[in-house]
Amino acid sequence: MRNTYLIFTLLIGFCFTSVGQNLNSYKYVSVPEKFDFLKESNQYQMNELTKFLFEKYGFTAILENEEVPSDFSRQDCNILYVDVIENSGLFKTSLQISLKDCKNKQIFLSEEGSSREKEYKKAYQEALRDAFSSFETVNYSYNKNSVTEESRAARKQRKENEKPVQENTKPKPEVILTAIPQVSKEASTLEKSASANKNEKVYVSGNVEYYILNTDFGYQLFQSQMEEAFAKMVKTGSENHFIYYTIQGQGIAYFDKDGNLNVEILNALDNSTSIKTYNIKN
């Protein structure tokens, strides 16, 4: 009996190790704007939450409507495509997370996450978090030396199809795109000064006042009397929800029905999350 248990334990460990090594061959996960079992894009903030939870477990996750890094290439097959599958019953909401490669081959399927909450938003989000617990034993870490055969073949084919650069043609500088807008101190200060006399909405957290300025990419969040923004809120497919960035980390931000700003922040040091609320003052 003891030997049987030992063998079973070793087999389980081998399976998770094998899955982890397989996932390590892929650099990105692509999260769709809408899951098939929902009616709207990012309904119940499920797509943003999916991206957020993948990043919690070490993945580089990108929403379909975001700008992408320069090496994000569907032709290179260095991407896994995310789907969330609903298996709900009458009294229980159940979800699974599926990851497929560029050839639509399933690379990973999570354990079923479930919730008995009655409210849809709470039920879906709780079931999704429960399904993500399958990644706790995967220990994902991208390894560029373990890329898949499909990826190698795709890169080779792409290089063969590329035309050689003419000798007299100057190579174009590489443009690296990023989902995090970079705003200089000078630009931030000028924008703040230009808007100082406007009727800005003031928020309070603790005993400190804050206010928000509009930008092309979303918003910047300032502490009262400070010249530089300490956080950026980048637009998503949902009008009222944003990707939240600071020097220390990132998370999800949204305005509730009363106009208060709520931010769920990921602590990269211990993969914990915390929620901070900025209450509207005027």
Protein backbone atom coordinates (compact mmCIF):
# COMPACT_ATOMS: atom_id res chain seq x y z
CA MET A 1 0.00 0.00 0.00
CA ARG A 2 2.83 2.34 0.88
CA ASN A 3 4.61 1.57 -2.41
CA THR A 4 1.40 2.20 -4.34
CA TYR A 5 0.99 5.60 -2.69
CA LEU A 6 4.61 6.50 -3.48
CA ILE A 7 4.22 5.55 -7.14
CA PHE A 8 0.97 7.54 -7.36
CA THR A 9 2.66 10.60 -5.83
CA LEU A 10 5.59 10.35 -8.24
CA LEU A 11 3.25 10.05 -11.22
CA ILE A 12 1.30 13.14 -10.16
CA GLY A 13 4.55 15.07 -9.70
CA PHE A 14 5.80 13.94 -13.11
CA CYS A 15 2.56 15.05 -14.77
CA PHE A 16 2.74 18.56 -13.28
CA THR A 17 6.44 18.83 -14.13
CA SER A 18 5.74 17.79 -17.71
CA VAL A 19 2.90 20.31 -18.01
CA GLY A 20 5.08 23.07 -16.55
CA GLN A 21 7.92 22.35 -18.96
CA ASN A 22 5.49 22.39 -21.87
CA LEU A 23 4.04 25.77 -20.85
CA ASN A 24 7.53 27.15 -20.36
CA SER A 25 8.02 26.97 -24.14
CA TYR A 26 5.53 29.80 -24.69
CA LYS A 27 6.28 33.44 -23.98
CA TYR A 28 2.80 35.00 -24.12
CA VAL A 29 -0.83 34.20 -23.41
CA SER A 30 -3.47 36.00 -25.45
CA VAL A 31 -6.74 36.79 -23.65
CA PRO A 32 -9.80 37.46 -25.86
CA GLU A 33 -12.05 40.49 -25.41
CA LYS A 34 -15.07 38.22 -24.93
CA PHE A 35 -15.63 34.64 -23.77
CA ASP A 36 -18.22 32.56 -25.63
CA PHE A 37 -20.40 31.88 -22.58
CA LEU A 38 -20.89 35.62 -21.94
CA LYS A 39 -22.94 38.11 -23.95
CA GLU A 40 -20.66 41.15 -23.83
CA SER A 41 -16.97 41.99 -24.08
CA ASN A 42 -15.33 41.84 -20.65
CA GLN A 43 -18.70 41.16 -19.01
CA TYR A 44 -18.36 40.98 -15.20
CA GLN A 45 -14.70 42.06 -15.76
CA MET A 46 -13.92 38.41 -16.52
CA ASN A 47 -11.40 39.10 -19.30
CA GLU A 48 -9.47 41.69 -17.29
CA LEU A 49 -9.50 39.38 -14.28
CA THR A 50 -8.19 36.52 -16.43
CA LYS A 51 -5.26 38.66 -17.60
CA PHE A 52 -4.61 39.77 -14.03
CA LEU A 53 -4.57 36.21 -12.66
CA PHE A 54 -2.26 34.94 -15.42
CA GLU A 55 0.20 37.70 -14.51
CA LYS A 56 -0.13 36.71 -10.87
CA TYR A 57 1.22 33.28 -11.81
CA GLY A 58 4.14 34.68 -13.80
CA PHE A 59 2.76 34.72 -17.36
CA THR A 60 2.95 37.67 -19.75
CA ALA A 61 -0.72 38.14 -20.62
CA ILE A 62 -2.00 40.48 -23.34
CA LEU A 63 -5.60 41.43 -24.08
CA GLU A 64 -6.63 41.33 -27.73
CA ASN A 65 -7.25 45.09 -27.86
CA GLU A 66 -3.86 46.04 -26.34
CA GLU A 67 -0.75 47.11 -28.19
CA VAL A 68 1.75 44.26 -28.29
CA PRO A 69 5.53 43.89 -27.86
CA SER A 70 7.70 43.70 -30.97
CA ASP A 71 8.29 39.95 -30.65
CA PHE A 72 4.60 39.09 -30.18
CA SER A 73 4.10 37.13 -33.38
CA ARG A 74 1.33 34.69 -34.20
CA GLN A 75 3.55 33.37 -36.97
CA ASP A 76 6.22 32.38 -34.46
CA CYS A 77 3.76 30.30 -32.43
CA ASN A 78 5.19 31.71 -29.20
CA ILE A 79 1.66 32.40 -27.94
CA LEU A 80 -0.95 30.38 -26.09
CA TYR A 81 -4.59 31.32 -26.66
CA VAL A 82 -6.84 31.49 -23.61
CA ASP A 83 -10.40 30.26 -23.37
CA VAL A 84 -12.64 29.92 -20.34
CA ILE A 85 -15.18 27.10 -20.59
CA GLU A 86 -18.42 27.06 -18.62
CA ASN A 87 -19.73 23.76 -17.21
CA SER A 88 -22.33 25.21 -14.86
CA GLY A 89 -25.30 23.37 -13.39
CA LEU A 90 -28.53 24.52 -11.78
CA PHE A 91 -27.04 25.45 -8.39
CA LYS A 92 -23.33 25.71 -9.15
CA THR A 93 -21.20 27.81 -11.48
CA SER A 94 -18.26 25.84 -12.88
CA LEU A 95 -15.43 27.06 -15.13
CA GLN A 96 -12.26 25.62 -16.67
CA ILE A 97 -9.29 27.40 -18.27
CA SER A 98 -8.03 26.11 -21.61
CA LEU A 99 -4.74 27.01 -23.30
CA LYS A 100 -4.25 26.16 -26.99
CA ASP A 101 -1.30 26.72 -29.33
CA CYS A 102 -1.27 28.27 -32.82
CA LYS A 103 -2.47 24.96 -34.33
CA ASN A 104 -5.48 24.82 -32.00
CA LYS A 105 -3.91 21.98 -30.02
CA GLN A 106 -4.83 22.01 -26.36
CA ILE A 107 -1.69 22.40 -24.23
CA PHE A 108 -3.32 22.80 -20.82
CA LEU A 109 -6.75 22.34 -19.23
CA SER A 110 -7.24 23.41 -15.62
CA GLU A 111 -9.17 21.64 -12.94
CA GLU A 112 -12.78 22.76 -12.68
CA GLY A 113 -13.30 25.84 -10.50
CA SER A 114 -16.69 26.27 -8.90
CA SER A 115 -18.89 28.64 -6.91
CA ARG A 116 -22.33 28.47 -5.34
CA GLU A 117 -22.81 32.24 -5.24
CA LYS A 118 -26.16 33.37 -6.65
CA GLU A 119 -25.03 36.71 -8.06
CA TYR A 120 -23.52 36.21 -11.53
CA LYS A 121 -20.51 38.47 -11.14
CA LYS A 122 -19.47 37.00 -7.78
CA ALA A 123 -20.09 33.44 -8.99
CA TYR A 124 -18.10 33.75 -12.20
CA GLN A 125 -15.17 35.54 -10.58
CA GLU A 126 -15.02 33.09 -7.66
CA ALA A 127 -15.15 30.08 -10.00
CA LEU A 128 -12.42 31.61 -12.19
CA ARG A 129 -10.11 32.19 -9.22
CA ASP A 130 -10.77 28.62 -8.08
CA ALA A 131 -9.87 27.26 -11.55
CA PHE A 132 -6.62 29.27 -11.51
CA SER A 133 -5.50 27.35 -8.42
CA SER A 134 -4.41 24.66 -10.93
CA PHE A 135 -1.47 26.93 -11.81
CA GLU A 136 -0.11 26.90 -8.26
CA THR A 137 1.82 23.67 -8.93
CA VAL A 138 2.86 24.49 -12.49
CA ASN A 139 5.64 26.97 -11.56
CA TYR A 140 5.61 28.61 -14.98
CA SER A 141 8.79 30.37 -16.15
CA TYR A 142 9.44 31.13 -19.82
CA ASN A 143 12.50 29.31 -21.18
CA LYS A 144 13.55 30.49 -24.63
CA ASN A 145 15.77 27.40 -24.98
CA SER A 146 12.77 25.07 -24.80
CA VAL A 147 10.65 26.48 -27.65
CA THR A 148 8.36 24.04 -29.41
CA GLU A 149 9.02 22.36 -32.75
CA GLU A 150 6.04 24.28 -34.19
CA SER A 151 7.68 27.54 -33.15
CA ARG A 152 11.04 26.57 -34.67
CA ALA A 153 9.38 25.54 -37.93
CA ALA A 154 7.31 28.73 -38.09
CA ARG A 155 10.36 30.93 -37.56
CA LYS A 156 12.34 29.05 -40.21
CA GLN A 157 9.51 29.36 -42.75
CA ARG A 158 9.07 33.07 -42.00
CA LYS A 159 12.80 33.75 -42.51
CA GLU A 160 12.76 31.88 -45.83
CA ASN A 161 9.87 34.03 -47.03
CA GLU A 162 11.53 37.30 -46.08
CA LYS A 163 13.11 39.24 -48.94
CA PRO A 164 16.78 40.22 -48.55
CA VAL A 165 17.44 43.86 -47.72
CA GLN A 166 18.85 45.91 -50.63
CA GLU A 167 22.45 47.04 -50.10
CA ASN A 168 21.60 50.72 -50.52
CA THR A 169 18.51 50.53 -48.36
CA LYS A 170 18.92 51.77 -44.82
CA PRO A 171 17.35 49.41 -42.30
CA LYS A 172 14.40 50.88 -40.49
CA PRO A 173 14.85 51.36 -36.76
CA GLU A 174 13.10 48.75 -34.66
CA VAL A 175 9.91 50.06 -33.10
CA ILE A 176 9.09 48.45 -29.78
CA LEU A 177 5.51 48.89 -28.69
CA THR A 178 4.39 48.69 -25.11
CA ALA A 179 1.07 48.57 -23.36
CA ILE A 180 2.37 50.93 -20.64
CA PRO A 181 2.35 54.53 -21.85
CA GLN A 182 5.50 56.45 -20.98
CA VAL A 183 4.93 60.04 -19.91
CA SER A 184 7.86 62.30 -19.09
CA LYS A 185 8.06 64.34 -15.93
CA GLU A 186 7.88 67.56 -17.97
CA ALA A 187 4.79 66.44 -19.91
CA SER A 188 3.11 65.25 -16.73
CA THR A 189 3.81 68.55 -14.96
CA LEU A 190 2.61 70.64 -17.93
CA GLU A 191 -0.60 68.66 -18.21
CA LYS A 192 -1.19 68.99 -14.49
CA SER A 193 -0.59 72.75 -14.56
CA ALA A 194 -2.86 73.24 -17.55
CA SER A 195 -5.68 71.45 -15.79
CA ALA A 196 -5.14 72.85 -12.31
CA ASN A 197 -7.88 75.44 -12.62
CA LYS A 198 -10.46 73.05 -14.04
CA ASN A 199 -13.21 71.54 -11.97
CA GLU A 200 -11.41 68.24 -11.32
CA LYS A 201 -13.01 65.49 -9.29
CA VAL A 202 -11.32 65.09 -5.94
CA TYR A 203 -10.94 61.70 -4.24
CA VAL A 204 -10.00 60.79 -0.68
CA SER A 205 -8.25 57.71 0.67
CA GLY A 206 -7.40 57.78 4.35
CA ASN A 207 -6.67 61.42 5.11
CA VAL A 208 -5.04 62.12 1.73
CA GLU A 209 -6.68 63.82 -1.25
CA TYR A 210 -6.12 62.72 -4.86
CA TYR A 211 -7.36 63.77 -8.27
CA ILE A 212 -7.39 62.35 -11.78
CA LEU A 213 -6.40 63.91 -15.12
CA ASN A 214 -7.60 62.72 -18.52
CA THR A 215 -4.97 61.51 -21.01
CA ASP A 216 -5.02 59.96 -24.48
CA PHE A 217 -4.49 56.50 -22.97
CA GLY A 218 -6.88 56.89 -20.02
CA TYR A 219 -6.06 58.69 -16.78
CA GLN A 220 -3.20 59.73 -14.52
CA LEU A 221 -3.67 59.67 -10.75
CA PHE A 222 -2.08 62.45 -8.68
CA GLN A 223 -1.71 62.94 -4.96
CA SER A 224 -2.67 66.46 -3.89
CA GLN A 225 0.26 68.92 -3.96
CA MET A 226 2.45 66.45 -5.91
CA GLU A 227 3.82 67.41 -9.34
CA GLU A 228 4.15 63.90 -10.78
CA ALA A 229 1.53 61.22 -11.32
CA PHE A 230 2.11 58.11 -9.24
CA ALA A 231 -0.22 55.83 -11.24
CA LYS A 232 -1.53 55.40 -14.76
CA MET A 233 -4.91 53.91 -15.71
CA VAL A 234 -4.95 52.52 -19.26
CA LYS A 235 -8.19 52.09 -21.22
CA THR A 236 -9.53 48.61 -21.92
CA GLY A 237 -12.43 47.30 -23.99
CA SER A 238 -14.74 48.12 -21.09
CA GLU A 239 -15.58 51.82 -20.83
CA ASN A 240 -15.44 51.91 -17.02
CA HIS A 241 -12.47 49.61 -16.37
CA PHE A 242 -8.73 50.16 -16.67
CA ILE A 243 -5.37 48.46 -16.32
CA TYR A 244 -3.67 50.13 -13.34
CA TYR A 245 0.12 50.67 -13.36
CA THR A 246 2.55 52.02 -10.77
CA ILE A 247 6.30 51.60 -10.30
CA GLN A 248 5.60 49.00 -7.61
CA GLY A 249 3.12 46.88 -9.54
CA GLN A 250 -0.11 46.72 -11.47
CA GLY A 251 -3.73 45.71 -11.14
CA ILE A 252 -7.30 46.43 -12.22
CA ALA A 253 -9.14 49.72 -11.61
CA TYR A 254 -12.81 50.55 -12.04
CA PHE A 255 -15.38 53.14 -11.00
CA ASP A 256 -18.38 51.87 -9.03
CA LYS A 257 -21.94 53.14 -9.39
CA ASP A 258 -21.27 55.92 -6.85
CA GLY A 259 -18.23 57.18 -8.76
CA ASN A 260 -15.66 55.84 -6.30
CA LEU A 261 -12.42 54.46 -7.75
CA ASN A 262 -11.60 50.88 -6.72
CA VAL A 263 -8.20 49.33 -7.41
CA GLU A 264 -7.23 45.67 -6.99
CA ILE A 265 -3.44 45.57 -6.83
CA LEU A 266 -1.14 42.57 -7.31
CA ASN A 267 1.84 42.33 -4.96
CA ALA A 268 4.55 40.74 -7.15
CA LEU A 269 6.67 39.78 -4.14
CA ASP A 270 4.21 37.27 -2.65
CA ASN A 271 1.51 37.12 -5.39
CA SER A 272 -1.12 38.44 -2.97
CA THR A 273 -3.78 40.98 -3.89
CA SER A 274 -5.18 43.96 -2.03
CA ILE A 275 -8.02 46.37 -2.74
CA LYS A 276 -7.79 50.13 -2.26
CA THR A 277 -10.70 52.52 -2.62
CA TYR A 278 -10.52 56.23 -3.48
CA ASN A 279 -13.82 57.77 -2.36
CA ILE A 280 -15.14 60.64 -4.45
CA LYS A 281 -15.30 63.93 -2.56
CA ASN A 282 -17.07 66.24 -4.97
